[in-house]
Amino acid sequence: MNSVGFTLHELACFLAVAELGSFQKAATRLHRSHPSVFAAVASLERQLGLALFDRGGYRVAVSAAGEAFLDRARQMLDSARQMETQARQIAMGEEVRLAVVIGDLCPLPATLHLLRRFFAQCPATRLDLHFEALSGPWERLQSGEADLIFHHLEQAEVRFDARGWQRGRLVPVVAPDFLDFPVHAGITPEMMRPYVQCVIRDSARNGVPRDYFVVDGARRCTVADQFMKREVILQGMGWGHMPLYLVEEDLAQGRLLSMAGDHFRESELELVIARRRDVAHGPVATRLWEHLVAHLP
C-alpha cells in the first residue's frame, strides 16, 4: 500500500459513486466534471491499494473491499462536516455546548419534550443534560456548571432569573401491608418512627446536605433519584414522599397507598426554569430561554 494522504474530496467522490452507482450522476451531485470524479476515485484506490468498485458491469458496483471501507468513509466525512459547522458557530459567537440540569421533582416527559423541540433546530449545539437532586441544581447553576435548570426554588432568589413553569405535588406513600396497622389519616410521626423511611440523597457537593419530610429518629434508606425511591417503596422496603406524577397510576391501581392526613400532608411547590442574572448569556442560551418562556403555560 502506498502512503495514504487522501482528501475529503476523494472520499466525497467515492461515497457519491457508491450511493448513485454512476460516475456521471456523482459528478452531477457534486457539481464536478466526470473526469475529475473518476480521477479522485482512482487516486483514492491507488493510495489505499484497494479496488473500491467493480467496473465490469453496466452499473458501477461497490466491491467487497469498498463495502468494508464505506461506513468508515461516511464517518470521516460526517466528522469533517461537524468540525466545519462547529468552526462556523464559534466564529459567529454561538455556543457549541449548553449544560441543562433537571431537578429530581420535574416530570421528565414534559421537560424533555420542551428541550427536544428546541435542540432539534440546533444540531450544532451539544446538549449536556444532567439530573440532580435537592440543592444540586442550585449549586450547579451558581457555580457556572449549568446554563439553565428546571427545579424549584425555596424562596425568592435574587441571583436567579426564575419563571414559574408548573406546580408539583408531593404525596406520602407506602406499599400495602408495609405497616403493622391500617393506613389512616391520623398516622403520626411517632407511629412511623420504627419504619424505614426512604429519602433522596442531596447531590450537591458543598454545603450542608438538605433533606425534607424526614422523621427524626427513624431508620433511613438513602437513594440517588426518585425512580429508585419509587421502586424501593413498591417493594415494601420503606415509605416516603413521592412526586404525584410518578405514583399516580400506582395509587389508582392500589400498588401504593397515600398516607396523607392530619400529620403527613400532601405538599405543593412551584417548579421553575431558572438562569443566573449576573452573567452574560450566549445567543443559543438566549434563544433557548426565549423558547422556554414562550411555551410556559
C-alpha atoms as a PDB file:
ATOM      1  CA  MET A   1       0.000   0.000   0.000  1.00  0.00           C
ATOM      2  CA  ASN A   2       1.231   3.453  -0.859  1.00  0.00           C
ATOM      3  CA  SER A   3       1.440   6.225   1.725  1.00  0.00           C
ATOM      4  CA  VAL A   4      -2.126   7.360   2.450  1.00  0.00           C
ATOM      5  CA  GLY A   5      -2.838  11.068   2.069  1.00  0.00           C
ATOM      6  CA  PHE A   6      -6.315  11.117   0.568  1.00  0.00           C
ATOM      7  CA  THR A   7      -8.513  14.187   0.666  1.00  0.00           C
ATOM      8  CA  LEU A   8     -12.072  14.805   1.774  1.00  0.00           C
ATOM      9  CA  HIS A   9     -12.912  15.484  -1.867  1.00  0.00           C
ATOM     10  CA  GLU A  10     -11.789  11.990  -2.789  1.00  0.00           C
ATOM     11  CA  LEU A  11     -13.895  10.487  -0.017  1.00  0.00           C
ATOM     12  CA  ALA A  12     -16.921  12.523  -1.128  1.00  0.00           C
ATOM     13  CA  CYS A  13     -16.494  11.285  -4.710  1.00  0.00           C
ATOM     14  CA  PHE A  14     -16.182   7.689  -3.539  1.00  0.00           C
ATOM     15  CA  LEU A  15     -19.371   7.923  -1.456  1.00  0.00           C
ATOM     16  CA  ALA A  16     -21.336   9.662  -4.214  1.00  0.00           C
ATOM     17  CA  VAL A  17     -20.412   6.993  -6.787  1.00  0.00           C
ATOM     18  CA  ALA A  18     -21.185   4.237  -4.280  1.00  0.00           C
ATOM     19  CA  GLU A  19     -24.626   5.664  -3.496  1.00  0.00           C
ATOM     20  CA  LEU A  20     -25.609   6.542  -7.086  1.00  0.00           C
ATOM     21  CA  GLY A  21     -23.882   3.717  -8.969  1.00  0.00           C
ATOM     22  CA  SER A  22     -22.606   6.105 -11.617  1.00  0.00           C
ATOM     23  CA  PHE A  23     -19.628   8.423 -12.060  1.00  0.00           C
ATOM     24  CA  GLN A  24     -21.749  10.782 -14.142  1.00  0.00           C
ATOM     25  CA  LYS A  25     -24.533  11.033 -11.540  1.00  0.00           C
ATOM     26  CA  ALA A  26     -21.939  11.523  -8.825  1.00  0.00           C
ATOM     27  CA  ALA A  27     -20.347  14.335 -10.846  1.00  0.00           C
ATOM     28  CA  THR A  28     -23.759  15.997 -11.214  1.00  0.00           C
ATOM     29  CA  ARG A  29     -24.474  15.792  -7.498  1.00  0.00           C
ATOM     30  CA  LEU A  30     -21.064  17.183  -6.566  1.00  0.00           C
ATOM     31  CA  HIS A  31     -21.083  19.825  -9.299  1.00  0.00           C
ATOM     32  CA  ARG A  32     -17.847  18.390 -10.686  1.00  0.00           C
ATOM     33  CA  SER A  33     -16.816  17.091 -14.073  1.00  0.00           C
ATOM     34  CA  HIS A  34     -16.973  13.377 -14.823  1.00  0.00           C
ATOM     35  CA  PRO A  35     -13.170  13.134 -15.338  1.00  0.00           C
ATOM     36  CA  SER A  36     -12.437  14.861 -12.016  1.00  0.00           C
ATOM     37  CA  VAL A  37     -14.663  12.427 -10.082  1.00  0.00           C
ATOM     38  CA  PHE A  38     -13.151   9.455 -11.910  1.00  0.00           C
ATOM     39  CA  ALA A  39      -9.644  10.723 -11.163  1.00  0.00           C
ATOM     40  CA  ALA A  40     -10.463  11.320  -7.463  1.00  0.00           C
ATOM     41  CA  VAL A  41     -11.750   7.763  -7.019  1.00  0.00           C
ATOM     42  CA  ALA A  42      -8.759   6.328  -8.911  1.00  0.00           C
ATOM     43  CA  SER A  43      -6.397   8.322  -6.680  1.00  0.00           C
ATOM     44  CA  LEU A  44      -8.141   7.022  -3.542  1.00  0.00           C
ATOM     45  CA  GLU A  45      -7.923   3.442  -4.786  1.00  0.00           C
ATOM     46  CA  ARG A  46      -4.254   3.867  -5.583  1.00  0.00           C
ATOM     47  CA  GLN A  47      -3.440   5.237  -2.141  1.00  0.00           C
ATOM     48  CA  LEU A  48      -5.430   2.535  -0.346  1.00  0.00           C
ATOM     49  CA  GLY A  49      -4.219  -0.248  -2.581  1.00  0.00           C
ATOM     50  CA  LEU A  50      -7.837  -1.399  -2.985  1.00  0.00           C
ATOM     51  CA  ALA A  51     -10.275  -1.724  -5.863  1.00  0.00           C
ATOM     52  CA  LEU A  52     -13.276   0.038  -4.347  1.00  0.00           C
ATOM     53  CA  PHE A  53     -15.582  -0.612  -7.323  1.00  0.00           C
ATOM     54  CA  ASP A  54     -16.368  -3.400  -9.738  1.00  0.00           C
ATOM     55  CA  ARG A  55     -16.494  -1.667 -13.113  1.00  0.00           C
ATOM     56  CA  GLY A  56     -17.212  -4.804 -15.156  1.00  0.00           C
ATOM     57  CA  GLY A  57     -20.988  -4.356 -15.435  1.00  0.00           C
ATOM     58  CA  TYR A  58     -23.283  -1.740 -16.898  1.00  0.00           C
ATOM     59  CA  ARG A  59     -23.676  -0.145 -13.466  1.00  0.00           C
ATOM     60  CA  VAL A  60     -20.710   0.589 -11.228  1.00  0.00           C
ATOM     61  CA  ALA A  61     -20.947  -1.632  -8.139  1.00  0.00           C
ATOM     62  CA  VAL A  62     -19.153  -1.323  -4.823  1.00  0.00           C
ATOM     63  CA  SER A  63     -16.636  -4.121  -4.360  1.00  0.00           C
ATOM     64  CA  ALA A  64     -16.257  -6.159  -1.181  1.00  0.00           C
ATOM     65  CA  ALA A  65     -13.263  -4.004  -0.246  1.00  0.00           C
ATOM     66  CA  GLY A  66     -15.310  -0.885  -0.960  1.00  0.00           C
ATOM     67  CA  GLU A  67     -18.142  -2.115   1.272  1.00  0.00           C
ATOM     68  CA  ALA A  68     -15.675  -2.609   4.126  1.00  0.00           C
ATOM     69  CA  PHE A  69     -14.426   0.958   3.685  1.00  0.00           C
ATOM     70  CA  LEU A  70     -17.850   2.585   3.153  1.00  0.00           C
ATOM     71  CA  ASP A  71     -19.006   3.140   6.739  1.00  0.00           C
ATOM     72  CA  ARG A  72     -15.640   4.488   7.810  1.00  0.00           C
ATOM     73  CA  ALA A  73     -15.605   6.919   4.903  1.00  0.00           C
ATOM     74  CA  ARG A  74     -19.069   8.195   5.888  1.00  0.00           C
ATOM     75  CA  GLN A  75     -17.936   8.683   9.488  1.00  0.00           C
ATOM     76  CA  MET A  76     -14.864  10.642   8.401  1.00  0.00           C
ATOM     77  CA  LEU A  77     -16.912  12.938   6.164  1.00  0.00           C
ATOM     78  CA  ASP A  78     -19.540  13.438   8.867  1.00  0.00           C
ATOM     79  CA  SER A  79     -16.832  14.350  11.368  1.00  0.00           C
ATOM     80  CA  ALA A  80     -15.344  16.832   8.918  1.00  0.00           C
ATOM     81  CA  ARG A  81     -18.745  18.444   8.323  1.00  0.00           C
ATOM     82  CA  GLN A  82     -19.381  18.670  12.064  1.00  0.00           C
ATOM     83  CA  MET A  83     -15.992  20.325  12.547  1.00  0.00           C
ATOM     84  CA  GLU A  84     -16.795  22.804   9.799  1.00  0.00           C
ATOM     85  CA  THR A  85     -20.178  23.596  11.354  1.00  0.00           C
ATOM     86  CA  GLN A  86     -18.615  23.986  14.781  1.00  0.00           C
ATOM     87  CA  ALA A  87     -15.961  26.320  13.394  1.00  0.00           C
ATOM     88  CA  ARG A  88     -18.636  28.490  11.780  1.00  0.00           C
ATOM     89  CA  GLN A  89     -20.594  28.529  15.033  1.00  0.00           C
ATOM     90  CA  ILE A  90     -17.530  29.582  17.038  1.00  0.00           C
ATOM     91  CA  ALA A  91     -16.785  32.295  14.503  1.00  0.00           C
ATOM     92  CA  MET A  92     -20.360  33.563  14.864  1.00  0.00           C
ATOM     93  CA  GLY A  93     -20.025  33.601  18.646  1.00  0.00           C
ATOM     94  CA  GLU A  94     -22.552  30.792  19.202  1.00  0.00           C
ATOM     95  CA  GLU A  95     -22.127  28.179  21.894  1.00  0.00           C
ATOM     96  CA  VAL A  96     -21.156  24.656  20.874  1.00  0.00           C
ATOM     97  CA  ARG A  97     -22.378  23.273  24.203  1.00  0.00           C
ATOM     98  CA  LEU A  98     -25.158  24.044  26.673  1.00  0.00           C
ATOM     99  CA  ALA A  99     -25.500  22.418  30.077  1.00  0.00           C
ATOM    100  CA  VAL A 100     -29.025  21.937  31.405  1.00  0.00           C
ATOM    101  CA  VAL A 101     -29.863  20.445  34.805  1.00  0.00           C
ATOM    102  CA  ILE A 102     -33.197  18.781  35.540  1.00  0.00           C
ATOM    103  CA  GLY A 103     -34.159  18.578  39.193  1.00  0.00           C
ATOM    104  CA  ASP A 104     -35.424  15.389  40.791  1.00  0.00           C
ATOM    105  CA  LEU A 105     -39.042  16.567  41.106  1.00  0.00           C
ATOM    106  CA  CYS A 106     -39.524  17.616  37.473  1.00  0.00           C
ATOM    107  CA  PRO A 107     -41.728  15.461  35.233  1.00  0.00           C
ATOM    108  CA  LEU A 108     -39.275  14.104  32.682  1.00  0.00           C
ATOM    109  CA  PRO A 109     -41.636  13.650  29.704  1.00  0.00           C
ATOM    110  CA  ALA A 110     -42.772  17.288  29.762  1.00  0.00           C
ATOM    111  CA  THR A 111     -39.267  18.616  30.444  1.00  0.00           C
ATOM    112  CA  LEU A 112     -37.575  16.624  27.702  1.00  0.00           C
ATOM    113  CA  HIS A 113     -40.354  17.490  25.247  1.00  0.00           C
ATOM    114  CA  LEU A 114     -39.589  21.189  25.673  1.00  0.00           C
ATOM    115  CA  LEU A 115     -35.870  20.612  25.175  1.00  0.00           C
ATOM    116  CA  ARG A 116     -36.313  18.293  22.197  1.00  0.00           C
ATOM    117  CA  ARG A 117     -38.347  20.860  20.295  1.00  0.00           C
ATOM    118  CA  PHE A 118     -35.583  23.423  20.692  1.00  0.00           C
ATOM    119  CA  PHE A 119     -32.464  21.323  20.149  1.00  0.00           C
ATOM    120  CA  ALA A 120     -33.942  19.707  17.047  1.00  0.00           C
ATOM    121  CA  GLN A 121     -33.357  23.119  15.459  1.00  0.00           C
ATOM    122  CA  CYS A 122     -29.802  23.461  16.845  1.00  0.00           C
ATOM    123  CA  PRO A 123     -27.916  20.369  15.688  1.00  0.00           C
ATOM    124  CA  ALA A 124     -24.541  22.064  16.069  1.00  0.00           C
ATOM    125  CA  THR A 125     -25.025  22.770  19.784  1.00  0.00           C
ATOM    126  CA  ARG A 126     -24.428  19.802  22.042  1.00  0.00           C
ATOM    127  CA  LEU A 127     -26.840  19.388  24.937  1.00  0.00           C
ATOM    128  CA  ASP A 128     -25.187  18.245  28.171  1.00  0.00           C
ATOM    129  CA  LEU A 129     -28.083  17.002  30.259  1.00  0.00           C
ATOM    130  CA  HIS A 130     -27.681  16.385  33.987  1.00  0.00           C
ATOM    131  CA  PHE A 131     -30.054  15.136  36.666  1.00  0.00           C
ATOM    132  CA  GLU A 132     -29.555  16.459  40.175  1.00  0.00           C
ATOM    133  CA  ALA A 133     -31.416  16.210  43.477  1.00  0.00           C
ATOM    134  CA  LEU A 134     -32.395  18.621  46.247  1.00  0.00           C
ATOM    135  CA  SER A 135     -29.893  21.523  46.274  1.00  0.00           C
ATOM    136  CA  GLY A 136     -27.731  20.047  43.480  1.00  0.00           C
ATOM    137  CA  PRO A 137     -29.391  22.067  40.681  1.00  0.00           C
ATOM    138  CA  TRP A 138     -28.964  25.360  42.537  1.00  0.00           C
ATOM    139  CA  GLU A 139     -25.305  24.601  43.201  1.00  0.00           C
ATOM    140  CA  ARG A 140     -24.616  23.733  39.545  1.00  0.00           C
ATOM    141  CA  LEU A 141     -26.287  26.936  38.394  1.00  0.00           C
ATOM    142  CA  GLN A 142     -24.493  29.185  40.864  1.00  0.00           C
ATOM    143  CA  SER A 143     -21.093  27.616  40.142  1.00  0.00           C
ATOM    144  CA  GLY A 144     -21.493  28.167  36.403  1.00  0.00           C
ATOM    145  CA  GLU A 145     -21.666  24.447  35.609  1.00  0.00           C
ATOM    146  CA  ALA A 146     -25.216  24.838  34.285  1.00  0.00           C
ATOM    147  CA  ASP A 147     -26.615  27.364  31.851  1.00  0.00           C
ATOM    148  CA  LEU A 148     -30.169  26.680  32.940  1.00  0.00           C
ATOM    149  CA  ILE A 149     -32.053  24.494  35.407  1.00  0.00           C
ATOM    150  CA  PHE A 150     -35.521  23.018  35.780  1.00  0.00           C
ATOM    151  CA  HIS A 151     -36.166  22.823  39.510  1.00  0.00           C
ATOM    152  CA  HIS A 152     -37.933  24.545  42.368  1.00  0.00           C
ATOM    153  CA  LEU A 153     -36.855  27.479  44.489  1.00  0.00           C
ATOM    154  CA  GLU A 154     -37.474  27.531  48.214  1.00  0.00           C
ATOM    155  CA  GLN A 155     -37.792  31.315  48.253  1.00  0.00           C
ATOM    156  CA  ALA A 156     -37.287  34.344  46.048  1.00  0.00           C
ATOM    157  CA  GLU A 157     -33.667  34.121  44.914  1.00  0.00           C
ATOM    158  CA  VAL A 158     -32.295  37.415  43.605  1.00  0.00           C
ATOM    159  CA  ARG A 159     -29.271  35.725  41.981  1.00  0.00           C
ATOM    160  CA  PHE A 160     -31.502  33.803  39.602  1.00  0.00           C
ATOM    161  CA  ASP A 161     -33.929  34.834  36.895  1.00  0.00           C
ATOM    162  CA  ALA A 162     -36.719  32.314  37.501  1.00  0.00           C
ATOM    163  CA  ARG A 163     -40.021  31.815  35.701  1.00  0.00           C
ATOM    164  CA  GLY A 164     -42.838  29.689  37.058  1.00  0.00           C
ATOM    165  CA  TRP A 165     -43.362  26.593  34.960  1.00  0.00           C
ATOM    166  CA  GLN A 166     -45.822  24.245  36.664  1.00  0.00           C
ATOM    167  CA  ARG A 167     -46.981  23.069  40.065  1.00  0.00           C
ATOM    168  CA  GLY A 168     -45.576  19.881  41.531  1.00  0.00           C
ATOM    169  CA  ARG A 169     -47.307  17.792  44.184  1.00  0.00           C
ATOM    170  CA  LEU A 170     -45.658  15.501  46.703  1.00  0.00           C
ATOM    171  CA  VAL A 171     -47.639  12.774  48.423  1.00  0.00           C
ATOM    172  CA  PRO A 172     -46.527  10.439  51.259  1.00  0.00           C
ATOM    173  CA  VAL A 173     -46.966   6.847  50.102  1.00  0.00           C
ATOM    174  CA  VAL A 174     -46.493   3.346  51.395  1.00  0.00           C
ATOM    175  CA  ALA A 175     -46.940  -0.140  49.991  1.00  0.00           C
ATOM    176  CA  PRO A 176     -49.924  -2.177  51.203  1.00  0.00           C
ATOM    177  CA  ASP A 177     -49.037  -4.425  54.175  1.00  0.00           C
ATOM    178  CA  PHE A 178     -45.838  -2.460  54.870  1.00  0.00           C
ATOM    179  CA  LEU A 179     -47.250  -1.151  58.122  1.00  0.00           C
ATOM    180  CA  ASP A 180     -48.457  -3.266  61.018  1.00  0.00           C
ATOM    181  CA  PHE A 181     -51.617  -1.184  61.193  1.00  0.00           C
ATOM    182  CA  PRO A 182     -54.164   0.092  58.630  1.00  0.00           C
ATOM    183  CA  VAL A 183     -53.328   3.274  56.719  1.00  0.00           C
ATOM    184  CA  HIS A 184     -55.457   6.144  58.006  1.00  0.00           C
ATOM    185  CA  ALA A 185     -55.474   9.943  58.115  1.00  0.00           C
ATOM    186  CA  GLY A 186     -54.343  10.103  61.745  1.00  0.00           C
ATOM    187  CA  ILE A 187     -50.913   8.485  61.342  1.00  0.00           C
ATOM    188  CA  THR A 188     -48.339  10.442  63.374  1.00  0.00           C
ATOM    189  CA  PRO A 189     -44.545  10.752  63.048  1.00  0.00           C
ATOM    190  CA  GLU A 190     -44.207   8.810  66.299  1.00  0.00           C
ATOM    191  CA  MET A 191     -46.101   5.891  64.774  1.00  0.00           C
ATOM    192  CA  MET A 192     -43.763   5.893  61.754  1.00  0.00           C
ATOM    193  CA  ARG A 193     -40.506   6.055  63.703  1.00  0.00           C
ATOM    194  CA  PRO A 194     -39.964   2.257  63.775  1.00  0.00           C
ATOM    195  CA  TYR A 195     -40.305   2.030  59.972  1.00  0.00           C
ATOM    196  CA  VAL A 196     -37.634   2.624  57.332  1.00  0.00           C
ATOM    197  CA  GLN A 197     -38.055   5.944  55.537  1.00  0.00           C
ATOM    198  CA  CYS A 198     -36.693   6.228  52.006  1.00  0.00           C
ATOM    199  CA  VAL A 199     -35.122   9.621  51.280  1.00  0.00           C
ATOM    200  CA  ILE A 200     -33.310  11.240  48.364  1.00  0.00           C
ATOM    201  CA  ARG A 201     -29.582  11.906  48.688  1.00  0.00           C
ATOM    202  CA  ASP A 202     -28.636  15.547  48.115  1.00  0.00           C
ATOM    203  CA  SER A 203     -26.403  15.669  45.014  1.00  0.00           C
ATOM    204  CA  ALA A 204     -24.766  18.976  45.995  1.00  0.00           C
ATOM    205  CA  ARG A 205     -21.051  18.567  46.647  1.00  0.00           C
ATOM    206  CA  ASN A 206     -20.609  21.515  49.008  1.00  0.00           C
ATOM    207  CA  GLY A 207     -22.527  22.851  51.959  1.00  0.00           C
ATOM    208  CA  VAL A 208     -24.801  21.101  54.405  1.00  0.00           C
ATOM    209  CA  PRO A 209     -26.908  18.362  52.760  1.00  0.00           C
ATOM    210  CA  ARG A 210     -30.635  19.082  52.762  1.00  0.00           C
ATOM    211  CA  ASP A 211     -33.480  16.722  53.414  1.00  0.00           C
ATOM    212  CA  TYR A 212     -37.236  17.129  53.592  1.00  0.00           C
ATOM    213  CA  PHE A 213     -40.105  15.472  55.475  1.00  0.00           C
ATOM    214  CA  VAL A 214     -37.667  13.344  57.469  1.00  0.00           C
ATOM    215  CA  VAL A 215     -38.987  11.748  60.663  1.00  0.00           C
ATOM    216  CA  ASP A 216     -36.470  12.293  63.479  1.00  0.00           C
ATOM    217  CA  GLY A 217     -35.084   9.045  64.824  1.00  0.00           C
ATOM    218  CA  ALA A 218     -36.426   6.874  62.008  1.00  0.00           C
ATOM    219  CA  ARG A 219     -34.203   4.454  60.126  1.00  0.00           C
ATOM    220  CA  ARG A 220     -33.392   5.644  56.625  1.00  0.00           C
ATOM    221  CA  CYS A 221     -32.773   4.163  53.220  1.00  0.00           C
ATOM    222  CA  THR A 222     -30.995   6.707  51.021  1.00  0.00           C
ATOM    223  CA  VAL A 223     -31.241   6.636  47.234  1.00  0.00           C
ATOM    224  CA  ALA A 224     -29.987   8.837  44.392  1.00  0.00           C
ATOM    225  CA  ASP A 225     -33.182   9.501  42.436  1.00  0.00           C
ATOM    226  CA  GLN A 226     -36.973   9.347  42.502  1.00  0.00           C
ATOM    227  CA  PHE A 227     -37.150   6.302  40.221  1.00  0.00           C
ATOM    228  CA  MET A 228     -35.114   4.195  42.630  1.00  0.00           C
ATOM    229  CA  LYS A 229     -37.097   5.606  45.535  1.00  0.00           C
ATOM    230  CA  ARG A 230     -40.382   4.578  43.916  1.00  0.00           C
ATOM    231  CA  GLU A 231     -39.106   1.031  43.383  1.00  0.00           C
ATOM    232  CA  VAL A 232     -37.863   0.761  46.969  1.00  0.00           C
ATOM    233  CA  ILE A 233     -41.300   1.810  48.252  1.00  0.00           C
ATOM    234  CA  LEU A 234     -43.136  -0.511  45.843  1.00  0.00           C
ATOM    235  CA  GLN A 235     -41.017  -3.424  47.087  1.00  0.00           C
ATOM    236  CA  GLY A 236     -42.013  -2.697  50.683  1.00  0.00           C
ATOM    237  CA  MET A 237     -38.518  -1.657  51.736  1.00  0.00           C
ATOM    238  CA  GLY A 238     -39.524   1.771  53.002  1.00  0.00           C
ATOM    239  CA  TRP A 239     -42.022   4.604  52.771  1.00  0.00           C
ATOM    240  CA  GLY A 240     -41.625   8.210  51.665  1.00  0.00           C
ATOM    241  CA  HIS A 241     -42.872  11.281  49.842  1.00  0.00           C
ATOM    242  CA  MET A 242     -43.075  10.952  46.061  1.00  0.00           C
ATOM    243  CA  PRO A 243     -43.907  13.288  43.163  1.00  0.00           C
ATOM    244  CA  LEU A 244     -47.515  12.598  42.293  1.00  0.00           C
ATOM    245  CA  TYR A 245     -46.812  12.274  38.570  1.00  0.00           C
ATOM    246  CA  LEU A 246     -44.596   9.239  39.274  1.00  0.00           C
ATOM    247  CA  VAL A 247     -47.020   7.352  41.535  1.00  0.00           C
ATOM    248  CA  GLU A 248     -50.435   8.457  40.319  1.00  0.00           C
ATOM    249  CA  GLU A 249     -51.038   5.186  38.482  1.00  0.00           C
ATOM    250  CA  ASP A 250     -49.659   3.156  41.397  1.00  0.00           C
ATOM    251  CA  LEU A 251     -52.167   4.844  43.692  1.00  0.00           C
ATOM    252  CA  ALA A 252     -55.028   4.263  41.257  1.00  0.00           C
ATOM    253  CA  GLN A 253     -54.116   0.575  40.898  1.00  0.00           C
ATOM    254  CA  GLY A 254     -53.641   0.054  44.642  1.00  0.00           C
ATOM    255  CA  ARG A 255     -49.944  -0.767  44.386  1.00  0.00           C
ATOM    256  CA  LEU A 256     -49.306   2.158  46.741  1.00  0.00           C
ATOM    257  CA  LEU A 257     -51.443   3.850  49.374  1.00  0.00           C
ATOM    258  CA  SER A 258     -51.482   7.513  50.313  1.00  0.00           C
ATOM    259  CA  MET A 259     -50.653   8.352  53.919  1.00  0.00           C
ATOM    260  CA  ALA A 260     -51.832  11.949  53.541  1.00  0.00           C
ATOM    261  CA  GLY A 261     -53.750  13.146  56.572  1.00  0.00           C
ATOM    262  CA  ASP A 262     -53.522  15.330  59.628  1.00  0.00           C
ATOM    263  CA  HIS A 263     -49.747  14.959  60.120  1.00  0.00           C
ATOM    264  CA  PHE A 264     -48.353  13.806  56.786  1.00  0.00           C
ATOM    265  CA  ARG A 265     -49.834  16.227  54.284  1.00  0.00           C
ATOM    266  CA  GLU A 266     -49.602  16.446  50.543  1.00  0.00           C
ATOM    267  CA  SER A 267     -47.304  19.313  49.582  1.00  0.00           C
ATOM    268  CA  GLU A 268     -47.336  21.560  46.550  1.00  0.00           C
ATOM    269  CA  LEU A 269     -44.389  23.511  45.192  1.00  0.00           C
ATOM    270  CA  GLU A 270     -43.706  25.645  42.158  1.00  0.00           C
ATOM    271  CA  LEU A 271     -41.324  24.254  39.574  1.00  0.00           C
ATOM    272  CA  VAL A 272     -39.406  26.891  37.650  1.00  0.00           C
ATOM    273  CA  ILE A 273     -36.913  27.360  34.886  1.00  0.00           C
ATOM    274  CA  ALA A 274     -34.014  29.459  36.122  1.00  0.00           C
ATOM    275  CA  ARG A 275     -30.771  31.020  34.942  1.00  0.00           C
ATOM    276  CA  ARG A 276     -28.283  33.395  36.534  1.00  0.00           C
ATOM    277  CA  ARG A 277     -28.849  37.132  36.332  1.00  0.00           C
ATOM    278  CA  ASP A 278     -25.231  38.169  36.797  1.00  0.00           C
ATOM    279  CA  VAL A 279     -23.663  36.529  33.741  1.00  0.00           C
ATOM    280  CA  ALA A 280     -23.887  37.157  30.018  1.00  0.00           C
ATOM    281  CA  HIS A 281     -25.793  34.523  28.070  1.00  0.00           C
ATOM    282  CA  GLY A 282     -24.758  33.468  24.590  1.00  0.00           C
ATOM    283  CA  PRO A 283     -27.085  33.583  21.591  1.00  0.00           C
ATOM    284  CA  VAL A 284     -28.097  29.898  21.747  1.00  0.00           C
ATOM    285  CA  ALA A 285     -28.713  30.048  25.503  1.00  0.00           C
ATOM    286  CA  THR A 286     -30.760  33.204  24.974  1.00  0.00           C
ATOM    287  CA  ARG A 287     -32.853  31.573  22.261  1.00  0.00           C
ATOM    288  CA  LEU A 288     -33.400  28.530  24.490  1.00  0.00           C
ATOM    289  CA  TRP A 289     -34.616  30.780  27.314  1.00  0.00           C
ATOM    290  CA  GLU A 290     -36.976  32.618  24.971  1.00  0.00           C
ATOM    291  CA  HIS A 291     -38.243  29.296  23.624  1.00  0.00           C
ATOM    292  CA  LEU A 292     -38.990  28.002  27.106  1.00  0.00           C
ATOM    293  CA  VAL A 293     -40.634  31.221  28.282  1.00  0.00           C
ATOM    294  CA  ALA A 294     -42.806  31.248  25.154  1.00  0.00           C
ATOM    295  CA  HIS A 295     -44.050  27.739  25.960  1.00  0.00           C
ATOM    296  CA  LEU A 296     -44.799  28.300  29.626  1.00  0.00           C
ATOM    297  CA  PRO A 297     -48.432  27.580  30.477  1.00  0.00           C
END
